Amino acid sequence: MTRHQVLVVEDEEEMQGLYQRFFEQAHAAEFSWLLAKDADSALTRLAGEPLDLVILDWTLPGLPGLAVLKALRQDARTRALGVLMVTGRSSPEDAVEALEGGADDFLPKPFDERVLLARLRSLLRRRQLNMEGHRIYELLGLKWDLDADRLWVDGRRVRLSPKETDLLRVFLERPDMLHSRAYLWDMVWGYEAATWEHILDATLSSLRRKLGPRWGGRLETHKGKGFSLTTA
């Protein structure tokens, strides 16, 4: 099962502890998470991390949450992310301001963790529906029919294993972004293994070979950092 990557932007220690318990104990099989304690850290994470969802606190040191939200929506790499705005404010006017500012949902504090889980799952369903609106993926000679699970590269039919398929999907969902080895393993396999790096390398090597010289060469290795799919 692929885990969904969530960035939590929160400066209060009590709330950080709540999120840690939520993601690492109660729902570790479904989500992985990153923490940013202020706006600057959040913007750095947003620029460099492959993410699925953002939980964004309204009140932050430095820039307010709404300013982070605006920057997120203006960047082509992050504008499609699902964003849940969390705040101690609870008036209808605050909710309207957050939603019109670009948030996908609004959750006042304090909240029940069951409600948080339901909101996150709802955002993921919406994101999946948006992705499924384009069931044929085409880019630079690569064509992937997601409904039929058929892949062609430069007119040649390519058959991938399930893990190769999952790995390629991670790269295609976030092209031109650097993915660490640990992130790829977590997204595709999601369990601990003594030989995980060998398994990842072998799967990447097989994927490159099957894609052929032109597309396989786009899966670039960044020594000591990870891998990326280059489309430029």
Protein backbone atom coordinates (compact mmCIF):
# COMPACT_ATOMS: atom_id res chain seq x y z
CA MET A 1 0.00 0.00 0.00
CA THR A 2 1.42 3.38 -1.01
CA ARG A 3 1.53 5.81 1.91
CA HIS A 4 0.45 9.39 1.38
CA GLN A 5 2.99 12.09 2.18
CA VAL A 6 1.64 14.93 4.35
CA LEU A 7 3.40 18.18 5.27
CA VAL A 8 2.23 19.59 8.60
CA VAL A 9 2.95 23.29 9.13
CA GLU A 10 2.51 23.90 12.86
CA ASP A 11 4.50 25.89 15.45
CA GLU A 12 2.73 24.84 18.68
CA GLU A 13 4.45 21.96 20.51
CA GLU A 14 1.19 20.52 21.85
CA MET A 15 -0.25 20.29 18.34
CA GLN A 16 3.01 18.86 17.01
CA GLY A 17 2.70 16.07 19.58
CA LEU A 18 -0.88 15.41 18.51
CA TYR A 19 0.17 15.09 14.87
CA GLN A 20 3.10 12.87 15.79
CA ARG A 21 0.80 10.44 17.61
CA PHE A 22 -1.75 10.62 14.81
CA PHE A 23 0.67 9.88 11.98
CA GLU A 24 3.27 7.67 13.66
CA GLN A 25 1.06 5.55 15.91
CA ALA A 26 -2.56 5.59 14.82
CA HIS A 27 -2.21 5.85 11.04
CA ALA A 28 1.39 5.00 10.13
CA ALA A 29 0.27 2.48 7.51
CA GLU A 30 -1.71 5.12 5.61
CA PHE A 31 0.40 8.27 5.94
CA SER A 32 3.95 9.48 6.30
CA TRP A 33 4.53 13.02 7.48
CA LEU A 34 6.97 15.91 7.57
CA LEU A 35 6.92 18.83 10.00
CA ALA A 36 7.63 22.49 9.30
CA LYS A 37 7.56 24.79 12.33
CA ASP A 38 7.40 28.12 10.51
CA ALA A 39 6.59 29.65 7.14
CA ASP A 40 10.18 29.66 5.84
CA SER A 41 10.62 25.96 6.62
CA ALA A 42 7.26 25.23 5.01
CA LEU A 43 8.21 27.00 1.78
CA THR A 44 11.52 25.12 1.68
CA ARG A 45 9.74 21.80 2.16
CA LEU A 46 7.14 22.66 -0.47
CA ALA A 47 9.85 23.46 -3.01
CA GLY A 48 11.80 20.26 -2.48
CA GLU A 49 9.55 17.47 -1.19
CA PRO A 50 7.08 15.33 -3.13
CA LEU A 51 3.81 15.77 -1.24
CA ASP A 52 0.17 14.73 -1.41
CA LEU A 53 -1.43 16.94 1.25
CA VAL A 54 -0.63 19.93 3.44
CA ILE A 55 -2.05 20.66 6.90
CA LEU A 56 -1.47 24.38 7.30
CA ASP A 57 -1.89 26.34 10.53
CA TRP A 58 -3.31 29.84 10.16
CA THR A 59 -0.98 31.55 12.67
CA LEU A 60 2.75 31.00 12.13
CA PRO A 61 6.02 32.76 13.01
CA GLY A 62 7.03 35.00 10.13
CA LEU A 63 4.58 34.82 7.26
CA PRO A 64 0.98 33.93 8.17
CA GLY A 65 -0.53 30.70 6.92
CA LEU A 66 -2.58 32.51 4.28
CA ALA A 67 0.62 33.92 2.76
CA VAL A 68 2.10 30.42 2.59
CA LEU A 69 -1.13 29.25 0.96
CA LYS A 70 -0.92 32.00 -1.64
CA ALA A 71 2.69 31.09 -2.49
CA LEU A 72 1.73 27.43 -2.73
CA ARG A 73 -1.11 28.13 -5.16
CA GLN A 74 1.08 30.35 -7.35
CA ASP A 75 3.73 27.64 -7.86
CA ALA A 76 2.99 25.17 -10.67
CA ARG A 77 4.69 22.39 -8.71
CA THR A 78 2.40 22.72 -5.69
CA ARG A 79 -0.83 24.38 -6.82
CA ALA A 80 -2.66 21.04 -7.13
CA LEU A 81 -1.87 19.90 -3.57
CA GLY A 82 -4.77 19.34 -1.21
CA VAL A 83 -4.60 21.88 1.64
CA LEU A 84 -6.41 21.63 4.97
CA MET A 85 -6.29 24.93 6.89
CA VAL A 86 -6.30 24.38 10.67
CA THR A 87 -6.88 27.26 13.08
CA GLY A 88 -8.19 28.36 16.44
CA ARG A 89 -10.48 30.74 14.55
CA SER A 90 -13.98 29.40 14.02
CA SER A 91 -16.17 32.17 12.63
CA PRO A 92 -17.88 31.82 9.24
CA GLU A 93 -15.85 34.82 8.05
CA ASP A 94 -12.59 33.03 8.87
CA ALA A 95 -13.71 29.91 7.01
CA VAL A 96 -14.67 31.97 3.97
CA GLU A 97 -11.32 33.78 4.01
CA ALA A 98 -9.39 30.50 4.15
CA LEU A 99 -11.43 28.80 1.44
CA GLU A 100 -11.41 31.80 -0.87
CA GLY A 101 -7.67 32.13 -0.23
CA GLY A 102 -7.11 28.70 -1.76
CA ALA A 103 -7.63 26.15 1.02
CA ASP A 104 -9.54 23.00 0.08
CA ASP A 105 -10.97 22.55 3.57
CA PHE A 106 -11.09 24.32 6.94
CA LEU A 107 -10.85 22.69 10.38
CA PRO A 108 -11.21 24.73 13.62
CA LYS A 109 -9.26 23.72 16.74
CA PRO A 110 -9.78 21.80 18.88
CA PHE A 111 -10.85 18.90 16.70
CA ASP A 112 -11.53 15.19 17.05
CA GLU A 113 -8.85 13.05 15.41
CA ARG A 114 -11.57 11.06 13.67
CA VAL A 115 -12.67 14.27 11.96
CA LEU A 116 -9.08 15.02 10.93
CA LEU A 117 -8.78 11.55 9.40
CA ALA A 118 -12.07 11.93 7.54
CA ARG A 119 -11.01 15.32 6.16
CA LEU A 120 -7.65 13.99 4.96
CA ARG A 121 -9.25 10.99 3.27
CA SER A 122 -11.81 13.26 1.62
CA LEU A 123 -9.04 15.48 0.21
CA LEU A 124 -7.23 12.42 -1.12
CA ARG A 125 -10.41 11.18 -2.83
CA ARG A 126 -10.85 14.55 -4.52
CA ARG A 127 -7.23 14.52 -5.65
CA GLN A 128 -7.62 11.01 -7.05
CA LEU A 129 -10.78 11.99 -8.92
CA ASN A 130 -8.93 14.93 -10.46
CA MET A 131 -6.13 12.64 -11.57
CA GLU A 132 -8.58 10.08 -12.95
CA GLY A 133 -10.16 12.73 -15.13
CA HIS A 134 -7.17 12.23 -17.43
CA ARG A 135 -7.03 8.47 -17.87
CA ILE A 136 -4.46 8.51 -20.67
CA TYR A 137 -1.10 10.02 -19.77
CA GLU A 138 1.03 11.19 -22.69
CA LEU A 139 4.45 12.84 -22.54
CA LEU A 140 7.36 12.95 -25.00
CA GLY A 141 6.57 9.68 -26.74
CA LEU A 142 5.36 7.89 -23.63
CA LYS A 143 1.68 6.90 -23.53
CA TRP A 144 0.11 5.24 -20.51
CA ASP A 145 -3.52 4.07 -20.62
CA LEU A 146 -4.33 3.98 -16.91
CA ASP A 147 -7.70 2.28 -17.35
CA ALA A 148 -6.28 -0.59 -19.38
CA ASP A 149 -2.92 -0.50 -17.55
CA ARG A 150 -1.03 -0.45 -20.84
CA LEU A 151 2.17 1.44 -21.50
CA TRP A 152 3.80 2.38 -24.79
CA VAL A 153 7.15 4.07 -25.27
CA ASP A 154 7.84 5.48 -28.75
CA GLY A 155 5.12 3.19 -30.11
CA ARG A 156 6.55 0.09 -28.42
CA ARG A 157 4.40 -1.80 -25.90
CA VAL A 158 6.17 -2.09 -22.54
CA ARG A 159 5.13 -4.53 -19.82
CA LEU A 160 6.10 -3.63 -16.27
CA SER A 161 5.96 -5.53 -13.00
CA PRO A 162 3.64 -4.13 -10.30
CA LYS A 163 6.53 -2.51 -8.41
CA GLU A 164 8.01 -1.05 -11.61
CA THR A 165 4.57 0.37 -12.36
CA ASP A 166 4.30 1.94 -8.90
CA LEU A 167 7.80 3.37 -9.21
CA LEU A 168 7.12 4.92 -12.61
CA ARG A 169 3.87 6.40 -11.30
CA VAL A 170 5.75 8.17 -8.49
CA PHE A 171 8.12 9.74 -11.02
CA LEU A 172 5.37 10.72 -13.48
CA GLU A 173 3.18 12.29 -10.80
CA ARG A 174 6.08 14.58 -9.85
CA PRO A 175 8.39 14.98 -12.85
CA ASP A 176 11.60 16.99 -12.61
CA MET A 177 11.66 16.67 -8.81
CA LEU A 178 14.36 14.98 -6.78
CA HIS A 179 13.20 11.87 -4.89
CA SER A 180 15.41 10.43 -2.16
CA ARG A 181 16.07 6.70 -2.05
CA ALA A 182 14.26 6.45 1.27
CA TYR A 183 11.22 8.29 -0.11
CA LEU A 184 10.95 5.98 -3.15
CA TRP A 185 11.22 2.90 -0.97
CA ASP A 186 8.60 4.23 1.42
CA MET A 187 6.16 5.13 -1.37
CA VAL A 188 6.46 1.88 -3.34
CA TRP A 189 7.29 -0.80 -0.77
CA GLY A 190 6.57 0.75 2.62
CA TYR A 191 8.16 -1.87 4.87
CA GLU A 192 11.53 -2.41 6.49
CA ALA A 193 14.02 -4.74 4.81
CA ALA A 194 17.73 -5.31 5.35
CA THR A 195 18.38 -5.34 1.60
CA TRP A 196 16.02 -2.51 0.65
CA GLU A 197 18.64 -0.47 -1.21
CA HIS A 198 19.58 -3.47 -3.35
CA ILE A 199 15.90 -4.14 -4.13
CA LEU A 200 15.33 -0.49 -5.09
CA ASP A 201 18.43 -0.40 -7.31
CA ALA A 202 17.44 -3.63 -9.05
CA THR A 203 13.90 -2.38 -9.71
CA LEU A 204 15.17 0.95 -11.06
CA SER A 205 17.66 -0.84 -13.29
CA SER A 206 14.94 -3.10 -14.69
CA LEU A 207 12.60 -0.13 -15.23
CA ARG A 208 15.30 1.79 -17.12
CA ARG A 209 16.04 -1.22 -19.30
CA LYS A 210 12.37 -1.77 -20.17
CA LEU A 211 11.77 1.90 -20.96
CA GLY A 212 14.69 1.90 -23.38
CA PRO A 213 17.61 4.29 -23.91
CA ARG A 214 15.62 7.49 -24.45
CA TRP A 215 13.15 7.22 -21.57
CA GLY A 216 15.35 5.09 -19.34
CA GLY A 217 17.99 7.78 -19.62
CA ARG A 218 15.53 10.32 -18.24
CA LEU A 219 15.60 8.50 -14.90
CA GLU A 220 18.65 10.31 -13.62
CA THR A 221 20.78 9.39 -10.61
CA HIS A 222 21.91 12.23 -8.35
CA LYS A 223 24.79 10.75 -6.37
CA GLY A 224 24.17 10.87 -2.65
CA LYS A 225 20.80 12.58 -3.12
CA GLY A 226 18.39 10.34 -5.04
CA PHE A 227 16.71 10.14 -8.43
CA SER A 228 14.60 12.28 -10.74
CA LEU A 229 12.64 11.94 -13.96
CA THR A 230 13.80 14.67 -16.34
CA THR A 231 11.30 15.92 -18.90
CA ALA A 232 13.09 19.07 -20.11
